[in-house]
Amino acid sequence: MRRILYIYIFLMSLAKLSAQDLHYTQYDFAPLYLNPAQTGLFNGDYRVVANMRDQWFSVPVPYFSMSTSFDARLLPARMGNNVLSAGGLFHYDRAGDSRLSLSNILLNISYHQQIAKGLFLGAGIQTGFGQRRFRRDQMTFDDQFNGDVFDPNIVSADFSNLNRPVLSYMEIGGGLNLRYQKSSRTWLNSGLAFVHLNSPKQSFLGQDIRLKIRTTVSANASVQIHSKWDLVPTILFQNQGTYREFMFGLLSRYHINQNPGRETALFFGMHNRFADAIAPVIGVNYQTWQFGFSYDINISKFNAATDANGGFELSLIYIWRKVPGLPTVKTCPVF
């Protein structure tokens, strides 16, 4: 029965992969993937973000996802309080015995206009290249059994339908973001994003099967409630075809050291993926570094196969600023 259950899970996971993108529990720590309009939305000149997720490693068809991104502010001396930014994003996802994978290389451009004191409205666009592939040599079929044992030398008739193991396509997306900034520790972001606006084809068999548009509504905030404590609530809703995801969470940040050059804070809390999983989150901020760790505990019916094991996730963010040049000193000609 356990083997039958694993086969069922494998088939269901392949069906889901054709309909949805990768997702992160620490979605607020993957800004360029979440919304193109969040490109450049940070306090600094350059930012590097890395995310990694290993999900359902206790079953035969685990998911592995990773993303890296880099974004930078452009022409900061000319933009004043407004922000023009560009960034690049790479992400990779793999699942199943066939190593069904997704790779994307994307470019984001965003602009944020100050519309009132502390209030900024931003828009971003995204374009790039995507590729899906699988490994035929890792797949087995029922007609490769000779009546007694599995024979890898038997060529399955199903291979004739899988003569296109690589699928490439172009991507187009966009988003909006509204940010209110009261101080460095009290702010609010709310955004709306649309990805796969061109609905690229996704069939390995040449059929007219399209990747559905993914709509993302998100908000996160930081609220200073004490000289050493902040509250960080987050919320996310995503829709892609028949797939829905609703997440919310609440983190607390405790500032251990606030001296310039030695800023250190710990954060911890819980995220909840509605009707699917709960995820404790812990991490540390040190100067311009941020490291986060979360672990999904499965609470859906799928825990019959996972024994409540979900997946662990790591995030890393690093921000740096240019060192300002020394001011020009003019010597009085009299001296």
C-alpha atoms as a PDB file:
ATOM      1  CA  MET A   1       0.000   0.000   0.000  1.00  0.00           C
ATOM      2  CA  ARG A   2       2.865   2.381   0.785  1.00  0.00           C
ATOM      3  CA  ARG A   3       4.367   1.748  -2.675  1.00  0.00           C
ATOM      4  CA  ILE A   4       1.003   2.450  -4.328  1.00  0.00           C
ATOM      5  CA  LEU A   5       0.727   5.652  -2.311  1.00  0.00           C
ATOM      6  CA  TYR A   6       4.187   6.787  -3.446  1.00  0.00           C
ATOM      7  CA  ILE A   7       3.279   6.139  -7.099  1.00  0.00           C
ATOM      8  CA  TYR A   8       0.107   8.183  -6.654  1.00  0.00           C
ATOM      9  CA  ILE A   9       2.087  11.035  -5.079  1.00  0.00           C
ATOM     10  CA  PHE A  10       4.558  10.959  -7.976  1.00  0.00           C
ATOM     11  CA  LEU A  11       1.802  11.221 -10.590  1.00  0.00           C
ATOM     12  CA  MET A  12       0.065  14.008  -8.686  1.00  0.00           C
ATOM     13  CA  SER A  13       3.308  15.943  -8.302  1.00  0.00           C
ATOM     14  CA  LEU A  14       3.909  15.846 -12.064  1.00  0.00           C
ATOM     15  CA  ALA A  15       0.403  17.156 -12.632  1.00  0.00           C
ATOM     16  CA  LYS A  16       1.005  20.017 -10.223  1.00  0.00           C
ATOM     17  CA  LEU A  17       4.354  20.889 -11.792  1.00  0.00           C
ATOM     18  CA  SER A  18       2.661  21.560 -15.119  1.00  0.00           C
ATOM     19  CA  ALA A  19       0.389  24.132 -13.493  1.00  0.00           C
ATOM     20  CA  GLN A  20       2.359  26.090 -10.927  1.00  0.00           C
ATOM     21  CA  ASP A  21       5.673  27.803 -10.239  1.00  0.00           C
ATOM     22  CA  LEU A  22       8.085  27.202  -7.416  1.00  0.00           C
ATOM     23  CA  HIS A  23       7.204  28.878  -4.124  1.00  0.00           C
ATOM     24  CA  TYR A  24       9.008  29.891  -0.931  1.00  0.00           C
ATOM     25  CA  THR A  25       7.933  29.977   2.686  1.00  0.00           C
ATOM     26  CA  GLN A  26      10.229  32.984   3.233  1.00  0.00           C
ATOM     27  CA  TYR A  27       8.586  34.781   0.315  1.00  0.00           C
ATOM     28  CA  ASP A  28       9.286  38.219   1.802  1.00  0.00           C
ATOM     29  CA  PHE A  29      13.017  37.376   1.587  1.00  0.00           C
ATOM     30  CA  ALA A  30      12.812  36.686  -2.173  1.00  0.00           C
ATOM     31  CA  PRO A  31      11.810  40.188  -3.365  1.00  0.00           C
ATOM     32  CA  LEU A  32      12.713  40.047  -7.078  1.00  0.00           C
ATOM     33  CA  TYR A  33      10.902  36.736  -7.517  1.00  0.00           C
ATOM     34  CA  LEU A  34       7.869  37.933  -5.589  1.00  0.00           C
ATOM     35  CA  ASN A  35       7.314  41.169  -7.521  1.00  0.00           C
ATOM     36  CA  PRO A  36       9.411  42.946 -10.204  1.00  0.00           C
ATOM     37  CA  ALA A  37       8.395  46.267  -8.600  1.00  0.00           C
ATOM     38  CA  GLN A  38      10.413  45.359  -5.485  1.00  0.00           C
ATOM     39  CA  THR A  39      13.631  45.627  -7.491  1.00  0.00           C
ATOM     40  CA  GLY A  40      15.821  48.289  -5.861  1.00  0.00           C
ATOM     41  CA  LEU A  41      13.569  48.606  -2.817  1.00  0.00           C
ATOM     42  CA  PHE A  42      16.272  48.543  -0.130  1.00  0.00           C
ATOM     43  CA  ASN A  43      18.538  50.908   1.789  1.00  0.00           C
ATOM     44  CA  GLY A  44      21.828  50.746  -0.102  1.00  0.00           C
ATOM     45  CA  ASP A  45      23.353  50.671  -3.586  1.00  0.00           C
ATOM     46  CA  TYR A  46      23.615  46.933  -4.349  1.00  0.00           C
ATOM     47  CA  ARG A  47      21.882  43.809  -3.067  1.00  0.00           C
ATOM     48  CA  VAL A  48      22.457  40.068  -3.472  1.00  0.00           C
ATOM     49  CA  VAL A  49      19.757  37.554  -2.461  1.00  0.00           C
ATOM     50  CA  ALA A  50      19.969  33.745  -2.364  1.00  0.00           C
ATOM     51  CA  ASN A  51      17.173  31.293  -1.522  1.00  0.00           C
ATOM     52  CA  MET A  52      17.231  27.498  -1.297  1.00  0.00           C
ATOM     53  CA  ARG A  53      14.420  25.058  -0.513  1.00  0.00           C
ATOM     54  CA  ASP A  54      14.510  21.257  -0.127  1.00  0.00           C
ATOM     55  CA  GLN A  55      10.953  19.936   0.179  1.00  0.00           C
ATOM     56  CA  TRP A  56       9.457  16.485   0.875  1.00  0.00           C
ATOM     57  CA  PHE A  57      12.832  14.759   1.106  1.00  0.00           C
ATOM     58  CA  SER A  58      11.155  11.881   2.999  1.00  0.00           C
ATOM     59  CA  VAL A  59       9.256  10.686  -0.116  1.00  0.00           C
ATOM     60  CA  PRO A  60      10.700   9.373  -3.432  1.00  0.00           C
ATOM     61  CA  VAL A  61       9.824  12.561  -5.365  1.00  0.00           C
ATOM     62  CA  PRO A  62      11.394  15.486  -3.453  1.00  0.00           C
ATOM     63  CA  TYR A  63      11.330  19.068  -4.706  1.00  0.00           C
ATOM     64  CA  PHE A  64      14.497  21.159  -4.799  1.00  0.00           C
ATOM     65  CA  SER A  65      14.349  24.907  -5.546  1.00  0.00           C
ATOM     66  CA  MET A  66      16.928  27.673  -5.527  1.00  0.00           C
ATOM     67  CA  SER A  67      17.095  31.315  -6.608  1.00  0.00           C
ATOM     68  CA  THR A  68      19.769  33.978  -6.769  1.00  0.00           C
ATOM     69  CA  SER A  69      19.327  37.634  -7.640  1.00  0.00           C
ATOM     70  CA  PHE A  70      21.269  40.857  -7.866  1.00  0.00           C
ATOM     71  CA  ASP A  71      19.813  44.363  -8.098  1.00  0.00           C
ATOM     72  CA  ALA A  72      21.252  47.858  -8.024  1.00  0.00           C
ATOM     73  CA  ARG A  73      20.084  51.436  -7.962  1.00  0.00           C
ATOM     74  CA  LEU A  74      20.850  53.432 -11.111  1.00  0.00           C
ATOM     75  CA  LEU A  75      21.890  57.105 -11.244  1.00  0.00           C
ATOM     76  CA  PRO A  76      21.272  57.725  -7.509  1.00  0.00           C
ATOM     77  CA  ALA A  77      22.827  61.219  -7.645  1.00  0.00           C
ATOM     78  CA  ARG A  78      20.323  62.329 -10.326  1.00  0.00           C
ATOM     79  CA  MET A  79      17.181  60.635  -9.031  1.00  0.00           C
ATOM     80  CA  GLY A  80      16.845  62.558  -5.751  1.00  0.00           C
ATOM     81  CA  ASN A  81      14.216  60.853  -3.603  1.00  0.00           C
ATOM     82  CA  ASN A  82      13.041  58.724  -6.545  1.00  0.00           C
ATOM     83  CA  VAL A  83      14.564  55.331  -7.339  1.00  0.00           C
ATOM     84  CA  LEU A  84      15.467  53.788 -10.703  1.00  0.00           C
ATOM     85  CA  SER A  85      16.767  50.217 -10.442  1.00  0.00           C
ATOM     86  CA  ALA A  86      17.677  47.138 -12.460  1.00  0.00           C
ATOM     87  CA  GLY A  87      18.307  43.557 -11.440  1.00  0.00           C
ATOM     88  CA  GLY A  88      18.817  40.009 -12.645  1.00  0.00           C
ATOM     89  CA  LEU A  89      17.267  36.803 -11.325  1.00  0.00           C
ATOM     90  CA  PHE A  90      18.073  33.129 -11.831  1.00  0.00           C
ATOM     91  CA  HIS A  91      16.011  30.317 -10.378  1.00  0.00           C
ATOM     92  CA  TYR A  92      16.022  26.552 -10.714  1.00  0.00           C
ATOM     93  CA  ASP A  93      13.542  23.882  -9.644  1.00  0.00           C
ATOM     94  CA  ARG A  94      13.764  20.070  -9.876  1.00  0.00           C
ATOM     95  CA  ALA A  95      11.388  17.252  -8.913  1.00  0.00           C
ATOM     96  CA  GLY A  96      10.658  13.589  -9.489  1.00  0.00           C
ATOM     97  CA  ASP A  97      12.525  10.539 -10.731  1.00  0.00           C
ATOM     98  CA  SER A  98      12.586  12.019 -14.242  1.00  0.00           C
ATOM     99  CA  ARG A  99      14.456  15.101 -12.909  1.00  0.00           C
ATOM    100  CA  LEU A 100      11.762  17.361 -14.327  1.00  0.00           C
ATOM    101  CA  SER A 101      13.310  20.817 -13.982  1.00  0.00           C
ATOM    102  CA  LEU A 102      12.638  24.491 -14.561  1.00  0.00           C
ATOM    103  CA  SER A 103      15.310  27.146 -15.171  1.00  0.00           C
ATOM    104  CA  ASN A 104      14.744  30.881 -15.601  1.00  0.00           C
ATOM    105  CA  ILE A 105      17.024  33.817 -16.345  1.00  0.00           C
ATOM    106  CA  LEU A 106      15.117  37.085 -15.908  1.00  0.00           C
ATOM    107  CA  LEU A 107      15.787  40.819 -16.037  1.00  0.00           C
ATOM    108  CA  ASN A 108      13.839  43.294 -13.880  1.00  0.00           C
ATOM    109  CA  ILE A 109      13.631  47.089 -14.233  1.00  0.00           C
ATOM    110  CA  SER A 110      11.704  49.255 -11.776  1.00  0.00           C
ATOM    111  CA  TYR A 111      11.012  52.907 -10.981  1.00  0.00           C
ATOM    112  CA  HIS A 112       9.726  54.331  -7.680  1.00  0.00           C
ATOM    113  CA  GLN A 113       8.254  57.833  -7.553  1.00  0.00           C
ATOM    114  CA  GLN A 114       7.755  59.730  -4.300  1.00  0.00           C
ATOM    115  CA  ILE A 115       4.119  60.886  -4.284  1.00  0.00           C
ATOM    116  CA  ALA A 116       3.969  62.238  -0.717  1.00  0.00           C
ATOM    117  CA  LYS A 117       6.170  62.464   2.340  1.00  0.00           C
ATOM    118  CA  GLY A 118       7.356  58.931   3.058  1.00  0.00           C
ATOM    119  CA  LEU A 119       5.065  57.450   0.355  1.00  0.00           C
ATOM    120  CA  PHE A 120       6.460  55.849  -2.817  1.00  0.00           C
ATOM    121  CA  LEU A 121       4.632  54.285  -5.766  1.00  0.00           C
ATOM    122  CA  GLY A 122       6.681  51.875  -7.870  1.00  0.00           C
ATOM    123  CA  ALA A 123       6.267  49.877 -11.064  1.00  0.00           C
ATOM    124  CA  GLY A 124       8.434  47.129 -12.474  1.00  0.00           C
ATOM    125  CA  ILE A 125       8.671  45.000 -15.607  1.00  0.00           C
ATOM    126  CA  GLN A 126      10.228  41.573 -16.059  1.00  0.00           C
ATOM    127  CA  THR A 127      11.388  39.735 -19.137  1.00  0.00           C
ATOM    128  CA  GLY A 128      13.631  36.783 -19.779  1.00  0.00           C
ATOM    129  CA  PHE A 129      14.090  33.196 -20.811  1.00  0.00           C
ATOM    130  CA  GLY A 130      12.734  29.930 -19.358  1.00  0.00           C
ATOM    131  CA  GLN A 131      13.462  26.297 -19.968  1.00  0.00           C
ATOM    132  CA  ARG A 132      11.903  23.011 -18.801  1.00  0.00           C
ATOM    133  CA  ARG A 133      13.563  19.624 -19.274  1.00  0.00           C
ATOM    134  CA  PHE A 134      13.458  16.029 -18.062  1.00  0.00           C
ATOM    135  CA  ARG A 135      15.714  12.967 -18.148  1.00  0.00           C
ATOM    136  CA  ARG A 136      14.330  10.165 -20.308  1.00  0.00           C
ATOM    137  CA  ASP A 137      17.088   7.811 -19.152  1.00  0.00           C
ATOM    138  CA  GLN A 138      15.746   8.079 -15.597  1.00  0.00           C
ATOM    139  CA  MET A 139      12.203   7.002 -16.552  1.00  0.00           C
ATOM    140  CA  THR A 140      10.724   3.500 -16.587  1.00  0.00           C
ATOM    141  CA  PHE A 141       7.500   2.209 -18.152  1.00  0.00           C
ATOM    142  CA  ASP A 142       5.277  -0.816 -17.635  1.00  0.00           C
ATOM    143  CA  ASP A 143       6.066  -2.329 -21.052  1.00  0.00           C
ATOM    144  CA  GLN A 144       9.750  -2.638 -20.018  1.00  0.00           C
ATOM    145  CA  PHE A 145       8.810  -5.557 -17.759  1.00  0.00           C
ATOM    146  CA  ASN A 146       9.294  -8.857 -19.578  1.00  0.00           C
ATOM    147  CA  GLY A 147       6.735 -10.687 -17.479  1.00  0.00           C
ATOM    148  CA  ASP A 148       9.183 -11.514 -14.744  1.00  0.00           C
ATOM    149  CA  VAL A 149      11.606  -8.641 -14.080  1.00  0.00           C
ATOM    150  CA  PHE A 150      12.326  -5.156 -15.332  1.00  0.00           C
ATOM    151  CA  ASP A 151      14.526  -5.180 -18.445  1.00  0.00           C
ATOM    152  CA  PRO A 152      16.199  -1.775 -19.202  1.00  0.00           C
ATOM    153  CA  ASN A 153      17.161  -3.024 -22.677  1.00  0.00           C
ATOM    154  CA  ILE A 154      13.516  -3.056 -23.762  1.00  0.00           C
ATOM    155  CA  VAL A 155      12.646   0.207 -25.553  1.00  0.00           C
ATOM    156  CA  SER A 156       9.268   1.433 -24.371  1.00  0.00           C
ATOM    157  CA  ALA A 157       6.658   2.469 -26.921  1.00  0.00           C
ATOM    158  CA  ASP A 158       6.066   5.560 -24.791  1.00  0.00           C
ATOM    159  CA  PHE A 159       9.505   6.895 -25.715  1.00  0.00           C
ATOM    160  CA  SER A 160       8.204   7.778 -29.168  1.00  0.00           C
ATOM    161  CA  ASN A 161       5.944  10.393 -27.524  1.00  0.00           C
ATOM    162  CA  LEU A 162       8.805  11.850 -25.474  1.00  0.00           C
ATOM    163  CA  ASN A 163      11.207  12.849 -28.218  1.00  0.00           C
ATOM    164  CA  ARG A 164      11.353  16.454 -27.018  1.00  0.00           C
ATOM    165  CA  PRO A 165      12.950  16.471 -23.544  1.00  0.00           C
ATOM    166  CA  VAL A 166      13.718  20.219 -23.617  1.00  0.00           C
ATOM    167  CA  LEU A 167      11.199  23.081 -23.857  1.00  0.00           C
ATOM    168  CA  SER A 168      12.298  26.738 -24.106  1.00  0.00           C
ATOM    169  CA  TYR A 169      10.176  29.885 -23.958  1.00  0.00           C
ATOM    170  CA  MET A 170      10.201  33.637 -23.296  1.00  0.00           C
ATOM    171  CA  GLU A 171       8.807  35.349 -20.191  1.00  0.00           C
ATOM    172  CA  ILE A 172       7.015  38.680 -19.642  1.00  0.00           C
ATOM    173  CA  GLY A 173       5.729  40.030 -16.325  1.00  0.00           C
ATOM    174  CA  GLY A 174       5.088  43.197 -14.359  1.00  0.00           C
ATOM    175  CA  GLY A 175       4.056  44.564 -11.002  1.00  0.00           C
ATOM    176  CA  LEU A 176       3.160  47.537  -8.811  1.00  0.00           C
ATOM    177  CA  ASN A 177       4.254  48.345  -5.274  1.00  0.00           C
ATOM    178  CA  LEU A 178       3.249  50.976  -2.740  1.00  0.00           C
ATOM    179  CA  ARG A 179       5.658  51.703   0.106  1.00  0.00           C
ATOM    180  CA  TYR A 180       5.194  53.851   3.179  1.00  0.00           C
ATOM    181  CA  GLN A 181       8.402  54.666   5.048  1.00  0.00           C
ATOM    182  CA  LYS A 182       8.075  56.329   8.445  1.00  0.00           C
ATOM    183  CA  SER A 183      11.533  55.377   9.720  1.00  0.00           C
ATOM    184  CA  SER A 184      14.187  52.720   9.173  1.00  0.00           C
ATOM    185  CA  ARG A 185      12.248  50.383  11.493  1.00  0.00           C
ATOM    186  CA  THR A 186       8.652  51.314  10.662  1.00  0.00           C
ATOM    187  CA  TRP A 187       7.470  50.815   7.078  1.00  0.00           C
ATOM    188  CA  LEU A 188       4.822  49.081   4.949  1.00  0.00           C
ATOM    189  CA  ASN A 189       4.932  47.419   1.514  1.00  0.00           C
ATOM    190  CA  SER A 190       1.919  46.285  -0.516  1.00  0.00           C
ATOM    191  CA  GLY A 191       2.168  44.948  -4.032  1.00  0.00           C
ATOM    192  CA  LEU A 192       0.434  43.352  -6.999  1.00  0.00           C
ATOM    193  CA  ALA A 193       2.299  41.327  -9.638  1.00  0.00           C
ATOM    194  CA  PHE A 194       1.463  39.394 -12.819  1.00  0.00           C
ATOM    195  CA  VAL A 195       3.934  36.841 -14.216  1.00  0.00           C
ATOM    196  CA  HIS A 196       3.739  34.814 -17.482  1.00  0.00           C
ATOM    197  CA  LEU A 197       1.632  37.500 -19.142  1.00  0.00           C
ATOM    198  CA  ASN A 198       2.428  35.988 -22.541  1.00  0.00           C
ATOM    199  CA  SER A 199       1.198  32.495 -21.412  1.00  0.00           C
ATOM    200  CA  PRO A 200       4.046  30.528 -23.078  1.00  0.00           C
ATOM    201  CA  LYS A 201       3.491  26.971 -24.349  1.00  0.00           C
ATOM    202  CA  GLN A 202       4.413  24.222 -21.881  1.00  0.00           C
ATOM    203  CA  SER A 203       3.796  20.925 -23.686  1.00  0.00           C
ATOM    204  CA  PHE A 204       6.597  18.444 -24.434  1.00  0.00           C
ATOM    205  CA  LEU A 205       4.206  16.724 -26.875  1.00  0.00           C
ATOM    206  CA  GLY A 206       3.589  19.751 -29.091  1.00  0.00           C
ATOM    207  CA  GLN A 207       0.097  20.384 -27.746  1.00  0.00           C
ATOM    208  CA  ASP A 208      -1.268  23.883 -27.151  1.00  0.00           C
ATOM    209  CA  ILE A 209      -0.906  23.800 -23.345  1.00  0.00           C
ATOM    210  CA  ARG A 210      -0.130  27.214 -21.864  1.00  0.00           C
ATOM    211  CA  LEU A 211       1.555  28.279 -18.642  1.00  0.00           C
ATOM    212  CA  LYS A 212      -1.106  30.115 -16.666  1.00  0.00           C
ATOM    213  CA  ILE A 213      -0.643  33.712 -15.533  1.00  0.00           C
ATOM    214  CA  ARG A 214       0.425  33.869 -11.890  1.00  0.00           C
ATOM    215  CA  THR A 215      -1.179  36.681  -9.906  1.00  0.00           C
ATOM    216  CA  THR A 216       0.489  37.658  -6.638  1.00  0.00           C
ATOM    217  CA  VAL A 217      -0.930  39.969  -3.962  1.00  0.00           C
ATOM    218  CA  SER A 218       1.457  40.569  -1.072  1.00  0.00           C
ATOM    219  CA  ALA A 219       2.107  42.863   1.854  1.00  0.00           C
ATOM    220  CA  ASN A 220       4.731  43.021   4.582  1.00  0.00           C
ATOM    221  CA  ALA A 221       5.566  45.574   7.241  1.00  0.00           C
ATOM    222  CA  SER A 222       7.848  46.402  10.124  1.00  0.00           C
ATOM    223  CA  VAL A 223       6.490  48.193  13.187  1.00  0.00           C
ATOM    224  CA  GLN A 224       8.719  49.433  15.995  1.00  0.00           C
ATOM    225  CA  ILE A 225       6.926  48.740  19.291  1.00  0.00           C
ATOM    226  CA  HIS A 226       9.870  49.226  21.665  1.00  0.00           C
ATOM    227  CA  SER A 227      13.407  50.552  21.548  1.00  0.00           C
ATOM    228  CA  LYS A 228      14.600  46.947  21.004  1.00  0.00           C
ATOM    229  CA  TRP A 229      11.547  45.183  19.533  1.00  0.00           C
ATOM    230  CA  ASP A 230       9.873  45.231  16.100  1.00  0.00           C
ATOM    231  CA  LEU A 231       6.881  43.284  14.804  1.00  0.00           C
ATOM    232  CA  VAL A 232       7.050  42.056  11.190  1.00  0.00           C
ATOM    233  CA  PRO A 233       3.686  40.812   9.797  1.00  0.00           C
ATOM    234  CA  THR A 234       3.454  39.351   6.280  1.00  0.00           C
ATOM    235  CA  ILE A 235       0.658  38.137   4.009  1.00  0.00           C
ATOM    236  CA  LEU A 236       0.616  36.534   0.550  1.00  0.00           C
ATOM    237  CA  PHE A 237      -2.034  35.329  -1.903  1.00  0.00           C
ATOM    238  CA  GLN A 238      -1.145  33.680  -5.217  1.00  0.00           C
ATOM    239  CA  ASN A 239      -3.380  32.363  -7.964  1.00  0.00           C
ATOM    240  CA  GLN A 240      -2.259  30.380 -11.012  1.00  0.00           C
ATOM    241  CA  GLY A 241      -4.919  28.516 -12.913  1.00  0.00           C
ATOM    242  CA  THR A 242      -6.610  26.161 -10.435  1.00  0.00           C
ATOM    243  CA  TYR A 243      -3.761  26.529  -7.932  1.00  0.00           C
ATOM    244  CA  ARG A 244      -4.237  28.802  -4.906  1.00  0.00           C
ATOM    245  CA  GLU A 245      -1.809  29.702  -2.151  1.00  0.00           C
ATOM    246  CA  PHE A 246      -2.597  31.787   0.910  1.00  0.00           C
ATOM    247  CA  MET A 247       0.091  32.493   3.493  1.00  0.00           C
ATOM    248  CA  PHE A 248       0.410  34.757   6.488  1.00  0.00           C
ATOM    249  CA  GLY A 249       2.987  35.120   9.209  1.00  0.00           C
ATOM    250  CA  LEU A 250       4.232  37.160  12.111  1.00  0.00           C
ATOM    251  CA  LEU A 251       7.865  37.622  13.098  1.00  0.00           C
ATOM    252  CA  SER A 252       9.445  39.455  16.042  1.00  0.00           C
ATOM    253  CA  ARG A 253      12.812  41.173  15.743  1.00  0.00           C
ATOM    254  CA  TYR A 254      14.954  41.841  18.827  1.00  0.00           C
ATOM    255  CA  HIS A 255      17.802  44.355  18.450  1.00  0.00           C
ATOM    256  CA  ILE A 256      20.792  43.173  20.461  1.00  0.00           C
ATOM    257  CA  ASN A 257      23.162  45.924  19.384  1.00  0.00           C
ATOM    258  CA  GLN A 258      22.204  49.180  17.646  1.00  0.00           C
ATOM    259  CA  ASN A 259      25.623  50.847  17.628  1.00  0.00           C
ATOM    260  CA  PRO A 260      26.701  51.940  14.104  1.00  0.00           C
ATOM    261  CA  GLY A 261      28.912  49.303  12.491  1.00  0.00           C
ATOM    262  CA  ARG A 262      27.851  46.628  15.001  1.00  0.00           C
ATOM    263  CA  GLU A 263      24.108  46.391  14.343  1.00  0.00           C
ATOM    264  CA  THR A 264      22.870  42.949  15.388  1.00  0.00           C
ATOM    265  CA  ALA A 265      19.297  41.647  15.668  1.00  0.00           C
ATOM    266  CA  LEU A 266      17.581  38.285  15.998  1.00  0.00           C
ATOM    267  CA  PHE A 267      14.187  37.511  14.458  1.00  0.00           C
ATOM    268  CA  PHE A 268      11.850  34.579  14.986  1.00  0.00           C
ATOM    269  CA  GLY A 269       8.205  33.702  14.431  1.00  0.00           C
ATOM    270  CA  MET A 270       5.824  31.567  12.399  1.00  0.00           C
ATOM    271  CA  HIS A 271       4.456  31.410   8.859  1.00  0.00           C
ATOM    272  CA  ASN A 272       1.296  29.528   7.953  1.00  0.00           C
ATOM    273  CA  ARG A 273       0.428  28.158   4.514  1.00  0.00           C
ATOM    274  CA  PHE A 274      -3.321  27.804   4.844  1.00  0.00           C
ATOM    275  CA  ALA A 275      -4.521  24.169   5.085  1.00  0.00           C
ATOM    276  CA  ASP A 276      -1.057  22.896   4.122  1.00  0.00           C
ATOM    277  CA  ALA A 277       1.796  23.662   6.532  1.00  0.00           C
ATOM    278  CA  ILE A 278       3.073  25.730   9.425  1.00  0.00           C
ATOM    279  CA  ALA A 279       6.670  26.922   9.385  1.00  0.00           C
ATOM    280  CA  PRO A 280       8.780  28.231  12.275  1.00  0.00           C
ATOM    281  CA  VAL A 281      11.205  30.937  11.080  1.00  0.00           C
ATOM    282  CA  ILE A 282      14.409  32.083  12.794  1.00  0.00           C
ATOM    283  CA  GLY A 283      17.253  34.294  11.621  1.00  0.00           C
ATOM    284  CA  VAL A 284      19.776  37.001  12.325  1.00  0.00           C
ATOM    285  CA  ASN A 285      20.580  40.466  10.978  1.00  0.00           C
ATOM    286  CA  TYR A 286      24.216  41.500  11.300  1.00  0.00           C
ATOM    287  CA  GLN A 287      25.179  44.880   9.841  1.00  0.00           C
ATOM    288  CA  THR A 288      24.022  44.557   6.193  1.00  0.00           C
ATOM    289  CA  TRP A 289      23.771  40.744   6.255  1.00  0.00           C
ATOM    290  CA  GLN A 290      20.579  38.776   6.848  1.00  0.00           C
ATOM    291  CA  PHE A 291      20.299  35.012   7.247  1.00  0.00           C
ATOM    292  CA  GLY A 292      16.986  33.147   7.638  1.00  0.00           C
ATOM    293  CA  PHE A 293      16.015  29.534   8.259  1.00  0.00           C
ATOM    294  CA  SER A 294      12.530  27.972   8.186  1.00  0.00           C
ATOM    295  CA  TYR A 295      11.109  24.467   8.287  1.00  0.00           C
ATOM    296  CA  ASP A 296       7.701  23.444   6.944  1.00  0.00           C
ATOM    297  CA  ILE A 297       5.674  21.051   9.089  1.00  0.00           C
ATOM    298  CA  ASN A 298       3.051  19.467   6.882  1.00  0.00           C
ATOM    299  CA  ILE A 299      -0.489  19.486   8.317  1.00  0.00           C
ATOM    300  CA  SER A 300      -2.447  18.477   5.193  1.00  0.00           C
ATOM    301  CA  LYS A 301      -3.592  14.972   4.209  1.00  0.00           C
ATOM    302  CA  PHE A 302      -0.264  14.602   2.419  1.00  0.00           C
ATOM    303  CA  ASN A 303       1.385  13.960   5.801  1.00  0.00           C
ATOM    304  CA  ALA A 304       0.339  10.304   5.415  1.00  0.00           C
ATOM    305  CA  ALA A 305       3.368   9.987   3.144  1.00  0.00           C
ATOM    306  CA  THR A 306       5.617  12.668   4.643  1.00  0.00           C
ATOM    307  CA  ASP A 307       5.113  11.832   8.356  1.00  0.00           C
ATOM    308  CA  ALA A 308       4.504  15.597   8.808  1.00  0.00           C
ATOM    309  CA  ASN A 309       7.885  16.393   7.220  1.00  0.00           C
ATOM    310  CA  GLY A 310       7.714  19.327   4.840  1.00  0.00           C
ATOM    311  CA  GLY A 311      10.955  21.002   3.858  1.00  0.00           C
ATOM    312  CA  PHE A 312      13.668  23.292   5.101  1.00  0.00           C
ATOM    313  CA  GLU A 313      14.491  26.618   3.539  1.00  0.00           C
ATOM    314  CA  LEU A 314      17.455  28.992   3.746  1.00  0.00           C
ATOM    315  CA  SER A 315      17.665  32.651   2.726  1.00  0.00           C
ATOM    316  CA  LEU A 316      20.614  35.032   2.560  1.00  0.00           C
ATOM    317  CA  ILE A 317      20.588  38.772   1.822  1.00  0.00           C
ATOM    318  CA  TYR A 318      23.595  41.070   1.595  1.00  0.00           C
ATOM    319  CA  ILE A 319      23.401  44.833   0.936  1.00  0.00           C
ATOM    320  CA  TRP A 320      26.329  47.156   0.448  1.00  0.00           C
ATOM    321  CA  ARG A 321      26.899  50.810  -0.315  1.00  0.00           C
ATOM    322  CA  LYS A 322      29.535  52.691  -2.236  1.00  0.00           C
ATOM    323  CA  VAL A 323      32.129  54.410  -0.096  1.00  0.00           C
ATOM    324  CA  PRO A 324      31.603  58.145  -0.693  1.00  0.00           C
ATOM    325  CA  GLY A 325      34.567  59.979  -2.152  1.00  0.00           C
ATOM    326  CA  LEU A 326      36.442  62.574  -0.190  1.00  0.00           C
ATOM    327  CA  PRO A 327      35.137  66.113  -0.660  1.00  0.00           C
ATOM    328  CA  THR A 328      37.123  68.374  -2.982  1.00  0.00           C
ATOM    329  CA  VAL A 329      39.299  70.829  -1.000  1.00  0.00           C
ATOM    330  CA  LYS A 330      40.111  74.153  -2.661  1.00  0.00           C
ATOM    331  CA  THR A 331      43.089  76.076  -1.363  1.00  0.00           C
ATOM    332  CA  CYS A 332      42.857  79.853  -1.175  1.00  0.00           C
ATOM    333  CA  PRO A 333      45.350  81.283  -3.710  1.00  0.00           C
ATOM    334  CA  VAL A 334      46.466  83.911  -1.162  1.00  0.00           C
ATOM    335  CA  PHE A 335      48.116  81.155   0.839  1.00  0.00           C
END
